[in-house]
Amino acid sequence: MARYLAWSVPRWRWLVAGSLALLLGAVYQSSGRKDDAVEAYKRYLELAPEGKFSRDVRGKLKGMGAI
């Protein structure tokens, strides 16, 4: 998982990278890969702390016991 999220993201790509991290989190969560989902959702929050889905992501992380 880390290899997919460890890239350095230029500022102008934060939106795309954030969307990808969010999508990865959803895919991992639906396939039962909790640790990977948590990592992806946290990456989303790093990239878009006030993003459109940040409140939902925080709720998902709280529900998974990650925050």
C-alpha atoms as a PDB file:
ATOM      1  CA  MET A   1       0.000   0.000   0.000  1.00  0.00           C
ATOM      2  CA  ALA A   2       2.684   2.478   0.952  1.00  0.00           C
ATOM      3  CA  ARG A   3       4.223   2.325  -2.505  1.00  0.00           C
ATOM      4  CA  TYR A   4       1.017   3.764  -3.968  1.00  0.00           C
ATOM      5  CA  LEU A   5       0.805   6.662  -1.537  1.00  0.00           C
ATOM      6  CA  ALA A   6       4.449   7.515  -0.978  1.00  0.00           C
ATOM      7  CA  TRP A   7       4.860   9.625  -4.089  1.00  0.00           C
ATOM      8  CA  SER A   8       5.644  13.296  -3.808  1.00  0.00           C
ATOM      9  CA  VAL A   9       2.637  15.270  -4.964  1.00  0.00           C
ATOM     10  CA  PRO A  10       3.185  18.728  -6.470  1.00  0.00           C
ATOM     11  CA  ARG A  11       0.734  21.274  -5.124  1.00  0.00           C
ATOM     12  CA  TRP A  12      -1.223  21.556  -8.362  1.00  0.00           C
ATOM     13  CA  ARG A  13      -1.973  17.825  -8.273  1.00  0.00           C
ATOM     14  CA  TRP A  14      -3.353  17.678  -4.739  1.00  0.00           C
ATOM     15  CA  LEU A  15      -6.939  17.454  -5.936  1.00  0.00           C
ATOM     16  CA  VAL A  16      -6.318  14.464  -8.191  1.00  0.00           C
ATOM     17  CA  ALA A  17      -4.101  12.735  -5.641  1.00  0.00           C
ATOM     18  CA  GLY A  18      -6.674  13.352  -2.914  1.00  0.00           C
ATOM     19  CA  SER A  19      -9.422  11.856  -5.060  1.00  0.00           C
ATOM     20  CA  LEU A  20      -7.301   8.800  -5.776  1.00  0.00           C
ATOM     21  CA  ALA A  21      -6.504   8.337  -2.085  1.00  0.00           C
ATOM     22  CA  LEU A  22     -10.217   8.586  -1.291  1.00  0.00           C
ATOM     23  CA  LEU A  23     -11.082   6.042  -3.970  1.00  0.00           C
ATOM     24  CA  LEU A  24      -8.360   3.666  -2.774  1.00  0.00           C
ATOM     25  CA  GLY A  25      -9.668   3.975   0.768  1.00  0.00           C
ATOM     26  CA  ALA A  26     -13.171   3.042  -0.337  1.00  0.00           C
ATOM     27  CA  VAL A  27     -11.948   0.077  -2.380  1.00  0.00           C
ATOM     28  CA  TYR A  28      -9.752  -1.200   0.424  1.00  0.00           C
ATOM     29  CA  GLN A  29     -12.507  -0.768   2.987  1.00  0.00           C
ATOM     30  CA  SER A  30     -15.064  -2.618   0.877  1.00  0.00           C
ATOM     31  CA  SER A  31     -12.612  -5.488   0.350  1.00  0.00           C
ATOM     32  CA  GLY A  32     -11.894  -5.814   4.068  1.00  0.00           C
ATOM     33  CA  ARG A  33      -8.373  -4.366   3.945  1.00  0.00           C
ATOM     34  CA  LYS A  34      -8.803  -2.099   6.971  1.00  0.00           C
ATOM     35  CA  ASP A  35      -5.149  -1.104   7.465  1.00  0.00           C
ATOM     36  CA  ASP A  36      -4.785  -0.085   3.828  1.00  0.00           C
ATOM     37  CA  ALA A  37      -8.087   1.798   3.950  1.00  0.00           C
ATOM     38  CA  VAL A  38      -6.969   3.716   7.032  1.00  0.00           C
ATOM     39  CA  GLU A  39      -3.684   4.645   5.366  1.00  0.00           C
ATOM     40  CA  ALA A  40      -5.445   5.833   2.206  1.00  0.00           C
ATOM     41  CA  TYR A  41      -8.055   7.842   4.117  1.00  0.00           C
ATOM     42  CA  LYS A  42      -5.354   9.494   6.211  1.00  0.00           C
ATOM     43  CA  ARG A  43      -3.506  10.378   3.022  1.00  0.00           C
ATOM     44  CA  TYR A  44      -6.686  11.993   1.707  1.00  0.00           C
ATOM     45  CA  LEU A  45      -6.916  14.115   4.840  1.00  0.00           C
ATOM     46  CA  GLU A  46      -3.274  15.159   4.463  1.00  0.00           C
ATOM     47  CA  LEU A  47      -3.944  16.281   0.896  1.00  0.00           C
ATOM     48  CA  ALA A  48      -7.383  17.802   1.428  1.00  0.00           C
ATOM     49  CA  PRO A  49      -7.919  18.522   5.140  1.00  0.00           C
ATOM     50  CA  GLU A  50     -10.905  20.740   4.340  1.00  0.00           C
ATOM     51  CA  GLY A  51     -11.957  18.831   1.222  1.00  0.00           C
ATOM     52  CA  LYS A  52     -15.492  18.054   0.203  1.00  0.00           C
ATOM     53  CA  PHE A  53     -15.379  14.609   1.825  1.00  0.00           C
ATOM     54  CA  SER A  54     -13.093  15.329   4.784  1.00  0.00           C
ATOM     55  CA  ARG A  55     -15.940  15.169   7.306  1.00  0.00           C
ATOM     56  CA  ASP A  56     -17.092  11.803   5.921  1.00  0.00           C
ATOM     57  CA  VAL A  57     -13.541  10.450   5.908  1.00  0.00           C
ATOM     58  CA  ARG A  58     -13.009  11.477   9.521  1.00  0.00           C
ATOM     59  CA  GLY A  59     -16.239   9.645  10.377  1.00  0.00           C
ATOM     60  CA  LYS A  60     -15.053   6.523   8.568  1.00  0.00           C
ATOM     61  CA  LEU A  61     -11.704   6.636  10.381  1.00  0.00           C
ATOM     62  CA  LYS A  62     -13.454   7.110  13.707  1.00  0.00           C
ATOM     63  CA  GLY A  63     -15.750   4.190  12.937  1.00  0.00           C
ATOM     64  CA  MET A  64     -12.703   2.014  12.179  1.00  0.00           C
ATOM     65  CA  GLY A  65     -11.078   3.071  15.440  1.00  0.00           C
ATOM     66  CA  ALA A  66      -8.228   4.841  13.656  1.00  0.00           C
ATOM     67  CA  ILE A  67      -8.736   8.276  15.254  1.00  0.00           C
END
